[in-house]
Amino acid sequence: QVQLVESGGGLAQSGGSLRLSCAASGGSFSDFAMGWFRQAPGKEREFVAAISWTGVGTYFADSVKGRFAISRDNAKKTVYLQMNFLKPEDTAVYYCSAGQRILHSVIRRANEYEYWGQGTQVTVSS
């Protein structure tokens, strides 16, 4: 069983930055692709970013490409989401997720991920 705990959310101004962290426990972290999804009030959960289990591939939603970066530290069993040039529309609850050796062709699909964190709120003021 894998547990995921997100941290780093909070309030930021438009144009500002935040870094989210997701610490994993249990399981073999290096075997898991890691993803970030978000859900805004009244909207469905959407893909934000992912990093392959090898760490070689990174994937982003068009809405965050060029502004967000994802990285992982297997020694610390942690994945990071660096969010720059934040916009009010980035306001949402952000969820960390883990899935074992997800293929790159389906890495954006929420149902490919087996484990989910509780989420952390990100609020961007205009």
Foldseek 3Di string as FASTA:
>chain_A
DKAKAKDFADEAAQQAKIKMKIAMDDDQLLQKKKFKWWDDPPGDIFGAKIAFSPRPDIDGDPVQPPFWDWGDDNVRRMIMIIGGNDDQVVWTWMKMFIAGRDDPVCRRPPVRTDDIYPTDTHGYHD
